[in-house]
Amino acid sequence: MGLEQIKSRIAAAEAAAGRAKGEARLIAVSKVQPAERVEAVLQSGHRVFGENYVQEAAGKWPDWRAGYPGVELHMIGPLQTNKLKLALELFDAIHTLDRPSLAGKLARQVQSSGKCPQLFVQVNTGAEPQKAGILPEAADAFVAECRAMDLALTGLMCIPPDGHDPVPHFRALREIAARNGLAGLSMGMSADFEAAIAQGATHIRVGSAIFGDRLSRDTAGR
């Protein structure tokens, strides 16, 4: 499909929802993509990208950032605590704050370094046992716990269950965010980003629809 077509669809979805153009930020999910595809998107002027793996990002993005000023890098995959320090050096935003142990170690690293990325709490809106994230009924308490650690939260993130209508999940995330005073909503991927925009998404994560099929698959951004 390509970047320009996705941008056109985003603009149309924003207009249809009565939202201003540019309210939904496009994160181009470049995980496991060949370098030439990512460079083509960089050369087009796009600067917001998402990665799932800390080591993969560390191997390619420092050089690209040096050549393409203004890159903003988002961590959208599961974050292991032993890679937290490197993640804080690499990423401008982390969308997968998904457990108290990670929040505690993150708070200590932030206090030590004085640098805090944008932080999104991942909510497991489908209560799927195989999927990371705070359960919806525990989200309010977790947000309060993070704030008590002086972690400045940007918003919430979700990945609706495969094969289910995503709209109820987007609405649930929006309601949790609203009652906790959080403006950021990271939701919507290649197959459902227009529905996410209609429900208030501020960040959408699109990979294969921009770059084509990747070398391997997982579920944080499609």
Protein backbone atom coordinates (compact mmCIF):
# COMPACT_ATOMS: atom_id res chain seq x y z
CA MET A 1 0.00 0.00 0.00
CA GLY A 2 2.69 2.49 0.96
CA LEU A 3 3.27 5.46 3.22
CA GLU A 4 1.41 8.11 1.23
CA GLN A 5 -1.74 6.00 0.94
CA ILE A 6 -1.70 5.34 4.68
CA LYS A 7 -1.30 9.06 5.38
CA SER A 8 -4.23 9.81 3.09
CA ARG A 9 -6.40 7.26 4.88
CA ILE A 10 -5.40 8.71 8.26
CA ALA A 11 -6.36 12.21 7.14
CA ALA A 12 -9.71 10.92 5.83
CA ALA A 13 -10.40 9.07 9.08
CA GLU A 14 -9.57 12.19 11.12
CA ALA A 15 -11.91 14.28 8.99
CA ALA A 16 -14.69 11.69 9.25
CA ALA A 17 -14.34 11.70 13.04
CA GLY A 18 -14.37 15.51 13.21
CA ARG A 19 -10.78 15.61 14.37
CA ALA A 20 -8.03 17.97 13.25
CA LYS A 21 -5.52 16.77 10.71
CA GLY A 22 -2.42 15.43 12.44
CA GLU A 23 -4.09 14.55 15.75
CA ALA A 24 -3.31 10.87 15.17
CA ARG A 25 0.44 10.35 14.91
CA LEU A 26 1.64 7.61 12.61
CA ILE A 27 4.28 5.27 14.05
CA ALA A 28 5.87 3.39 11.16
CA VAL A 29 6.66 -0.04 12.62
CA SER A 30 10.06 -0.94 11.18
CA LYS A 31 10.85 -4.06 13.21
CA VAL A 32 12.48 -6.87 11.21
CA GLN A 33 12.22 -4.87 7.99
CA PRO A 34 15.01 -4.80 5.39
CA ALA A 35 17.17 -1.70 5.68
CA GLU A 36 16.36 -0.47 2.19
CA ARG A 37 12.63 -0.31 2.99
CA VAL A 38 13.21 1.69 6.16
CA GLU A 39 15.61 4.03 4.40
CA ALA A 40 13.05 4.67 1.66
CA VAL A 41 10.54 5.82 4.31
CA LEU A 42 13.20 7.96 5.99
CA GLN A 43 14.07 9.54 2.65
CA SER A 44 10.40 10.40 2.13
CA GLY A 45 10.59 12.59 5.25
CA HIS A 46 8.80 10.43 7.81
CA ARG A 47 10.51 10.50 11.20
CA VAL A 48 8.41 8.51 13.71
CA PHE A 49 9.21 4.80 13.92
CA GLY A 50 8.42 1.85 16.17
CA GLU A 51 10.59 -1.09 17.15
CA ASN A 52 9.88 -4.23 19.17
CA TYR A 53 13.35 -5.37 20.08
CA VAL A 54 15.95 -3.34 21.96
CA GLN A 55 18.95 -5.14 20.47
CA GLU A 56 17.65 -4.78 16.92
CA ALA A 57 17.03 -1.07 17.44
CA ALA A 58 20.50 -0.60 18.95
CA GLY A 59 22.06 -2.18 15.88
CA LYS A 60 20.54 0.15 13.30
CA TRP A 61 19.01 3.33 14.68
CA PRO A 62 22.08 5.21 15.98
CA ASP A 63 23.47 5.38 12.43
CA TRP A 64 20.11 6.30 10.89
CA ARG A 65 19.57 9.00 13.48
CA ALA A 66 22.94 10.48 12.62
CA GLY A 67 21.95 10.66 8.97
CA TYR A 68 18.32 11.69 9.39
CA PRO A 69 17.87 14.37 12.08
CA GLY A 70 14.62 14.48 13.97
CA VAL A 71 13.93 10.76 14.23
CA GLU A 72 11.57 9.81 17.08
CA LEU A 73 11.81 6.17 18.15
CA HIS A 74 9.04 4.31 19.99
CA MET A 75 9.42 1.02 21.86
CA ILE A 76 6.27 -1.01 21.15
CA GLY A 77 7.39 -4.52 22.12
CA PRO A 78 7.76 -6.27 25.47
CA LEU A 79 10.54 -4.70 27.52
CA GLN A 80 12.82 -6.87 29.61
CA THR A 81 14.16 -5.21 32.73
CA ASN A 82 17.75 -6.24 31.90
CA LYS A 83 17.50 -4.13 28.72
CA LEU A 84 15.90 -1.14 30.42
CA LYS A 85 19.00 1.06 30.63
CA LEU A 86 19.76 0.61 26.92
CA ALA A 87 16.09 1.19 26.07
CA LEU A 88 16.13 4.52 27.87
CA GLU A 89 19.15 5.57 25.83
CA LEU A 90 17.51 4.59 22.53
CA PHE A 91 13.81 5.35 22.76
CA ASP A 92 11.82 8.56 23.00
CA ALA A 93 8.67 6.68 24.03
CA ILE A 94 7.86 3.33 25.64
CA HIS A 95 4.39 1.94 24.93
CA THR A 96 4.69 -1.26 26.98
CA LEU A 97 4.82 -0.33 30.65
CA ASP A 98 2.98 -3.46 31.68
CA ARG A 99 3.85 -4.55 35.23
CA PRO A 100 4.77 -3.16 38.66
CA SER A 101 8.29 -4.65 38.63
CA LEU A 102 9.10 -2.82 35.40
CA ALA A 103 7.62 0.42 36.74
CA GLY A 104 9.79 0.24 39.85
CA LYS A 105 13.01 -0.37 37.96
CA LEU A 106 12.07 2.25 35.39
CA ALA A 107 11.48 4.82 38.14
CA ARG A 108 14.92 4.14 39.60
CA GLN A 109 16.60 4.45 36.20
CA VAL A 110 14.76 7.68 35.46
CA GLN A 111 15.75 9.16 38.81
CA SER A 112 19.36 8.15 38.19
CA SER A 113 19.58 9.47 34.63
CA GLY A 114 17.22 12.43 34.88
CA LYS A 115 15.72 11.44 31.53
CA CYS A 116 12.22 10.04 31.08
CA PRO A 117 10.68 9.01 27.76
CA GLN A 118 6.99 9.29 27.00
CA LEU A 119 5.35 6.41 28.87
CA PHE A 120 2.23 4.46 27.92
CA VAL A 121 0.71 1.82 30.20
CA GLN A 122 -0.19 -1.31 28.26
CA VAL A 123 -3.70 -2.50 29.15
CA ASN A 124 -4.75 -6.06 28.34
CA THR A 125 -8.29 -5.09 27.38
CA GLY A 126 -9.16 -8.64 26.31
CA ALA A 127 -7.81 -10.21 29.54
CA GLU A 128 -5.86 -12.64 27.37
CA PRO A 129 -3.63 -14.90 29.50
CA GLN A 130 -0.91 -15.10 26.83
CA LYS A 131 -0.69 -11.34 26.42
CA ALA A 132 1.17 -8.79 28.53
CA GLY A 133 -0.53 -5.80 30.07
CA ILE A 134 -2.39 -4.58 33.12
CA LEU A 135 -5.93 -5.91 33.39
CA PRO A 136 -8.60 -3.22 32.92
CA GLU A 137 -9.87 -3.54 36.48
CA ALA A 138 -6.34 -2.98 37.82
CA ALA A 139 -5.45 -0.10 35.50
CA ASP A 140 -6.54 2.77 37.77
CA ALA A 141 -4.49 1.46 40.69
CA PHE A 142 -1.46 0.88 38.46
CA VAL A 143 -1.63 4.40 37.05
CA ALA A 144 -1.74 5.75 40.63
CA GLU A 145 1.20 3.51 41.58
CA CYS A 146 3.27 4.82 38.67
CA ARG A 147 2.47 8.41 39.57
CA ALA A 148 3.46 7.75 43.16
CA MET A 149 6.88 6.76 41.78
CA ASP A 150 7.05 10.13 39.97
CA LEU A 151 6.66 8.50 36.57
CA ALA A 152 5.00 11.01 34.23
CA LEU A 153 2.58 8.98 32.12
CA THR A 154 1.62 10.04 28.61
CA GLY A 155 -1.23 7.60 28.05
CA LEU A 156 -2.39 4.03 27.55
CA MET A 157 -1.83 1.37 24.89
CA CYS A 158 -3.77 -1.74 23.88
CA ILE A 159 -3.71 -4.56 21.34
CA PRO A 160 -7.24 -5.96 20.86
CA PRO A 161 -7.63 -9.73 20.56
CA ASP A 162 -7.23 -11.18 17.07
CA GLY A 163 -10.51 -11.93 15.36
CA HIS A 164 -12.58 -9.71 17.64
CA ASP A 165 -14.26 -6.38 16.99
CA PRO A 166 -11.60 -3.90 18.16
CA VAL A 167 -14.01 -1.03 18.81
CA PRO A 168 -15.13 -2.10 22.32
CA HIS A 169 -11.47 -2.41 23.28
CA PHE A 170 -10.67 1.04 21.93
CA ARG A 171 -13.63 2.49 23.82
CA ALA A 172 -12.59 0.75 27.04
CA LEU A 173 -9.07 2.15 26.73
CA ARG A 174 -10.43 5.64 26.07
CA GLU A 175 -12.65 5.45 29.16
CA ILE A 176 -9.78 4.32 31.41
CA ALA A 177 -7.60 7.11 30.06
CA ALA A 178 -10.30 9.74 30.55
CA ARG A 179 -10.97 8.94 34.18
CA ASN A 180 -7.23 9.02 34.89
CA GLY A 181 -6.61 12.31 33.10
CA LEU A 182 -4.42 10.76 30.38
CA ALA A 183 -4.52 12.21 26.87
CA GLY A 184 -2.47 9.62 24.96
CA LEU A 185 -4.15 6.63 23.31
CA SER A 186 -1.80 4.27 21.48
CA MET A 187 -4.17 2.00 19.60
CA GLY A 188 -4.86 0.86 16.07
CA MET A 189 -2.74 -1.10 13.59
CA SER A 190 -2.79 -1.79 9.86
CA ALA A 191 -6.19 -3.53 9.87
CA ASP A 192 -8.08 -1.27 12.27
CA PHE A 193 -6.41 2.14 12.57
CA GLU A 194 -9.38 3.99 11.07
CA ALA A 195 -11.66 2.57 13.77
CA ALA A 196 -9.06 3.56 16.36
CA ILE A 197 -8.93 7.12 15.05
CA ALA A 198 -12.72 7.31 15.30
CA GLN A 199 -12.38 6.35 18.98
CA GLY A 200 -9.72 8.97 19.73
CA ALA A 201 -6.36 7.33 19.00
CA THR A 202 -3.44 9.73 19.31
CA HIS A 203 -0.82 7.22 18.12
CA ILE A 204 -1.38 4.44 15.60
CA ARG A 205 1.12 1.68 14.84
CA VAL A 206 1.30 0.61 11.21
CA GLY A 207 3.94 -1.70 9.78
CA SER A 208 3.12 -4.11 6.96
CA ALA A 209 0.74 -1.70 5.22
CA ILE A 210 3.66 0.72 4.83
CA PHE A 211 6.65 -1.57 4.34
CA GLY A 212 5.15 -4.80 3.03
CA ASP A 213 5.39 -8.19 4.71
CA ARG A 214 8.22 -8.39 7.20
CA LEU A 215 10.72 -11.17 7.71
CA SER A 216 8.91 -12.47 10.80
CA ARG A 217 5.74 -11.56 12.64
CA ASP A 218 4.46 -10.68 16.08
CA THR A 219 1.56 -8.58 17.31
CA ALA A 220 2.56 -5.20 18.70
CA GLY A 221 2.21 -3.34 15.39
CA ARG A 222 0.89 -4.64 12.10
